[in-house]
Amino acid sequence: MLGIDVAKAAGHTDSSLLARRYHYLYKTYLSDSEKALLLERGIGSGSNFRNDRPVTIYAARNLYKYMGASIIKSEHRNSHGGM
């Protein structure tokens, strides 16, 4: 999962704040070719995928392990108002 998306879902304004709070999460950085591939597919915006700025990604399983189900959004749950 992209670091900026995880940070927003957890209530942080920046992925660096998330990394400081949850320092035990497994993360890795995208290479320039991986950033270009995501941009071609319409994932992310150009301002977050600049070549001079690292893009962090987190393993979804690791996020679920430490942050619980609150980090995962379910369309089915949201559309029925709970549960």
N, C-alpha and C. Protein backbone atom coordinates (compact mmCIF):
# COMPACT_ATOMS: atom_id res chain seq x y z
N MET A 1 0.85 -1.16 0.00
CA MET A 1 0.00 0.00 0.00
C MET A 1 0.90 1.23 0.00
N LEU A 2 0.50 2.26 -0.71
CA LEU A 2 1.28 3.49 -0.77
C LEU A 2 1.30 4.17 0.59
N GLY A 3 2.45 4.66 0.98
CA GLY A 3 2.63 5.27 2.29
C GLY A 3 1.71 6.46 2.53
N ILE A 4 1.50 7.28 1.52
CA ILE A 4 0.65 8.46 1.70
C ILE A 4 -0.80 8.07 1.93
N ASP A 5 -1.26 7.01 1.26
CA ASP A 5 -2.63 6.54 1.46
C ASP A 5 -2.81 5.94 2.84
N VAL A 6 -1.82 5.20 3.31
CA VAL A 6 -1.88 4.62 4.65
C VAL A 6 -1.88 5.72 5.70
N ALA A 7 -1.03 6.73 5.50
CA ALA A 7 -0.95 7.83 6.45
C ALA A 7 -2.28 8.57 6.55
N LYS A 8 -2.93 8.82 5.42
CA LYS A 8 -4.22 9.50 5.43
C LYS A 8 -5.28 8.67 6.13
N ALA A 9 -5.28 7.36 5.88
CA ALA A 9 -6.25 6.48 6.52
C ALA A 9 -6.04 6.40 8.03
N ALA A 10 -4.79 6.57 8.47
CA ALA A 10 -4.47 6.52 9.90
C ALA A 10 -4.60 7.89 10.56
N GLY A 11 -4.94 8.92 9.78
CA GLY A 11 -5.14 10.25 10.34
C GLY A 11 -3.90 11.12 10.39
N HIS A 12 -2.86 10.78 9.64
CA HIS A 12 -1.64 11.58 9.59
C HIS A 12 -1.62 12.38 8.30
N THR A 13 -0.89 13.49 8.33
CA THR A 13 -0.83 14.34 7.15
C THR A 13 0.31 13.95 6.21
N ASP A 14 1.28 13.21 6.72
CA ASP A 14 2.44 12.86 5.91
C ASP A 14 2.89 11.45 6.28
N SER A 15 3.43 10.74 5.30
CA SER A 15 3.87 9.36 5.57
C SER A 15 5.09 9.31 6.48
N SER A 16 5.86 10.40 6.56
CA SER A 16 7.00 10.40 7.49
C SER A 16 6.54 10.40 8.94
N LEU A 17 5.41 11.04 9.23
CA LEU A 17 4.85 11.01 10.57
C LEU A 17 4.38 9.61 10.93
N LEU A 18 3.80 8.92 9.97
CA LEU A 18 3.38 7.53 10.18
C LEU A 18 4.60 6.66 10.45
N ALA A 19 5.67 6.85 9.71
CA ALA A 19 6.88 6.05 9.88
C ALA A 19 7.51 6.28 11.25
N ARG A 20 7.42 7.50 11.76
CA ARG A 20 7.97 7.77 13.09
C ARG A 20 7.14 7.12 14.18
N ARG A 21 5.83 7.15 14.03
CA ARG A 21 4.96 6.57 15.06
C ARG A 21 4.99 5.05 15.04
N TYR A 22 4.94 4.46 13.85
CA TYR A 22 4.94 3.01 13.70
C TYR A 22 6.26 2.58 13.08
N HIS A 23 7.34 2.75 13.82
CA HIS A 23 8.68 2.49 13.29
C HIS A 23 8.93 1.01 13.01
N TYR A 24 8.10 0.12 13.52
CA TYR A 24 8.28 -1.32 13.34
C TYR A 24 7.61 -1.86 12.08
N LEU A 25 6.90 -1.03 11.34
CA LEU A 25 6.26 -1.48 10.10
C LEU A 25 7.31 -1.74 9.03
N TYR A 26 7.09 -2.77 8.23
CA TYR A 26 7.99 -3.07 7.13
C TYR A 26 7.67 -2.16 5.96
N LYS A 27 8.66 -1.42 5.50
CA LYS A 27 8.47 -0.52 4.36
C LYS A 27 9.61 -0.66 3.39
N THR A 28 9.34 -0.25 2.17
CA THR A 28 10.36 -0.21 1.13
C THR A 28 10.06 0.98 0.23
N TYR A 29 11.00 1.32 -0.61
CA TYR A 29 10.87 2.47 -1.49
C TYR A 29 10.78 2.03 -2.95
N LEU A 30 10.02 2.77 -3.73
CA LEU A 30 9.88 2.48 -5.15
C LEU A 30 11.05 3.04 -5.93
N SER A 31 11.44 2.32 -6.96
CA SER A 31 12.47 2.83 -7.87
C SER A 31 11.81 3.79 -8.86
N ASP A 32 12.62 4.49 -9.62
CA ASP A 32 12.09 5.44 -10.61
C ASP A 32 11.23 4.74 -11.66
N SER A 33 11.64 3.54 -12.09
CA SER A 33 10.85 2.83 -13.10
C SER A 33 9.51 2.36 -12.51
N GLU A 34 9.49 1.98 -11.25
CA GLU A 34 8.23 1.58 -10.61
C GLU A 34 7.29 2.77 -10.44
N LYS A 35 7.86 3.94 -10.11
CA LYS A 35 7.05 5.16 -10.02
C LYS A 35 6.43 5.49 -11.37
N ALA A 36 7.22 5.38 -12.44
CA ALA A 36 6.73 5.68 -13.78
C ALA A 36 5.62 4.72 -14.18
N LEU A 37 5.75 3.44 -13.81
CA LEU A 37 4.72 2.45 -14.11
C LEU A 37 3.41 2.79 -13.41
N LEU A 38 3.48 3.18 -12.14
CA LEU A 38 2.26 3.54 -11.41
C LEU A 38 1.61 4.79 -12.00
N LEU A 39 2.42 5.75 -12.41
CA LEU A 39 1.87 6.95 -13.04
C LEU A 39 1.17 6.63 -14.35
N GLU A 40 1.74 5.71 -15.14
CA GLU A 40 1.12 5.30 -16.40
C GLU A 40 -0.23 4.64 -16.16
N ARG A 41 -0.36 3.93 -15.06
CA ARG A 41 -1.61 3.24 -14.73
C ARG A 41 -2.61 4.14 -14.01
N GLY A 42 -2.23 5.38 -13.74
CA GLY A 42 -3.14 6.32 -13.11
C GLY A 42 -3.20 6.23 -11.60
N ILE A 43 -2.21 5.61 -11.01
CA ILE A 43 -2.17 5.48 -9.55
C ILE A 43 -1.23 6.55 -9.02
N GLY A 44 -1.72 7.39 -8.13
CA GLY A 44 -0.89 8.45 -7.57
C GLY A 44 -0.92 9.69 -8.43
N SER A 45 -0.37 10.76 -7.87
CA SER A 45 -0.32 12.02 -8.61
C SER A 45 1.13 12.39 -8.87
N GLY A 46 1.34 13.27 -9.82
CA GLY A 46 2.69 13.67 -10.19
C GLY A 46 3.45 14.35 -9.07
N SER A 47 2.74 15.09 -8.19
CA SER A 47 3.43 15.81 -7.12
C SER A 47 4.02 14.85 -6.09
N ASN A 48 3.37 13.72 -5.85
CA ASN A 48 3.89 12.73 -4.89
C ASN A 48 4.90 11.79 -5.52
N PHE A 49 4.97 11.76 -6.84
CA PHE A 49 5.85 10.81 -7.53
C PHE A 49 6.99 11.51 -8.24
N ARG A 50 7.41 12.64 -7.74
CA ARG A 50 8.56 13.32 -8.34
C ARG A 50 9.80 12.43 -8.22
N ASN A 51 10.71 12.56 -9.16
CA ASN A 51 11.90 11.72 -9.17
C ASN A 51 12.82 11.98 -7.98
N ASP A 52 12.80 13.19 -7.43
CA ASP A 52 13.70 13.49 -6.32
C ASP A 52 13.11 13.13 -4.95
N ARG A 53 11.88 12.66 -4.94
CA ARG A 53 11.23 12.34 -3.65
C ARG A 53 10.97 10.83 -3.56
N PRO A 54 11.38 10.20 -2.46
CA PRO A 54 11.13 8.76 -2.33
C PRO A 54 9.65 8.47 -2.07
N VAL A 55 9.17 7.38 -2.65
CA VAL A 55 7.79 6.94 -2.45
C VAL A 55 7.85 5.66 -1.62
N THR A 56 7.19 5.70 -0.47
CA THR A 56 7.21 4.58 0.46
C THR A 56 6.01 3.68 0.22
N ILE A 57 6.24 2.38 0.28
CA ILE A 57 5.13 1.43 0.25
C ILE A 57 5.25 0.51 1.46
N TYR A 58 4.10 0.09 1.96
CA TYR A 58 4.03 -0.80 3.12
C TYR A 58 3.35 -2.09 2.72
N ALA A 59 3.73 -3.17 3.38
CA ALA A 59 3.09 -4.46 3.15
C ALA A 59 1.73 -4.46 3.84
N ALA A 60 0.67 -4.80 3.11
CA ALA A 60 -0.69 -4.77 3.65
C ALA A 60 -0.84 -5.73 4.83
N ARG A 61 -0.24 -6.88 4.74
CA ARG A 61 -0.34 -7.85 5.83
C ARG A 61 0.29 -7.31 7.11
N ASN A 62 1.42 -6.63 6.98
CA ASN A 62 2.10 -6.04 8.12
C ASN A 62 1.27 -4.92 8.73
N LEU A 63 0.65 -4.10 7.89
CA LEU A 63 -0.23 -3.04 8.38
C LEU A 63 -1.40 -3.61 9.16
N TYR A 64 -2.01 -4.64 8.63
CA TYR A 64 -3.15 -5.27 9.30
C TYR A 64 -2.72 -5.86 10.64
N LYS A 65 -1.55 -6.44 10.68
CA LYS A 65 -1.05 -7.07 11.91
C LYS A 65 -0.90 -6.05 13.03
N TYR A 66 -0.37 -4.88 12.74
CA TYR A 66 -0.10 -3.89 13.77
C TYR A 66 -1.20 -2.85 13.97
N MET A 67 -1.97 -2.56 12.92
CA MET A 67 -2.96 -1.50 13.03
C MET A 67 -4.39 -2.02 13.05
N GLY A 68 -4.59 -3.27 12.72
CA GLY A 68 -5.91 -3.86 12.79
C GLY A 68 -6.79 -3.53 11.60
N ALA A 69 -8.03 -3.92 11.71
CA ALA A 69 -8.99 -3.77 10.62
C ALA A 69 -9.35 -2.32 10.36
N SER A 70 -9.03 -1.41 11.27
CA SER A 70 -9.38 -0.01 11.07
C SER A 70 -8.65 0.61 9.88
N ILE A 71 -7.54 0.02 9.46
CA ILE A 71 -6.78 0.56 8.34
C ILE A 71 -7.35 0.12 7.00
N ILE A 72 -8.16 -0.93 7.00
CA ILE A 72 -8.72 -1.46 5.76
C ILE A 72 -10.15 -0.97 5.60
N LYS A 73 -10.42 -0.36 4.46
CA LYS A 73 -11.76 0.16 4.18
C LYS A 73 -12.54 -0.87 3.38
N SER A 74 -13.76 -1.10 3.77
CA SER A 74 -14.61 -2.04 3.04
C SER A 74 -15.79 -1.30 2.46
N GLU A 75 -15.96 -1.38 1.16
CA GLU A 75 -17.09 -0.73 0.51
C GLU A 75 -18.40 -1.33 1.02
N HIS A 76 -18.41 -2.60 1.27
CA HIS A 76 -19.63 -3.25 1.75
C HIS A 76 -20.03 -2.71 3.12
N ARG A 77 -19.08 -2.55 4.00
CA ARG A 77 -19.37 -2.01 5.33
C ARG A 77 -19.86 -0.59 5.26
N ASN A 78 -19.17 0.24 4.49
CA ASN A 78 -19.53 1.66 4.42
C ASN A 78 -20.89 1.88 3.78
N SER A 79 -21.27 1.05 2.85
CA SER A 79 -22.53 1.28 2.15
C SER A 79 -23.74 0.89 2.98
N HIS A 80 -23.55 0.05 4.02
CA HIS A 80 -24.67 -0.36 4.85
C HIS A 80 -24.68 0.31 6.21
N GLY A 81 -23.80 1.28 6.42
CA GLY A 81 -23.82 2.07 7.63
C GLY A 81 -23.31 1.36 8.87
N GLY A 82 -22.40 0.47 8.75
CA GLY A 82 -21.83 -0.16 9.93
C GLY A 82 -21.62 -1.64 9.75
N MET A 83 -21.28 -2.27 10.85
CA MET A 83 -21.05 -3.69 10.93
C MET A 83 -19.82 -4.07 10.28
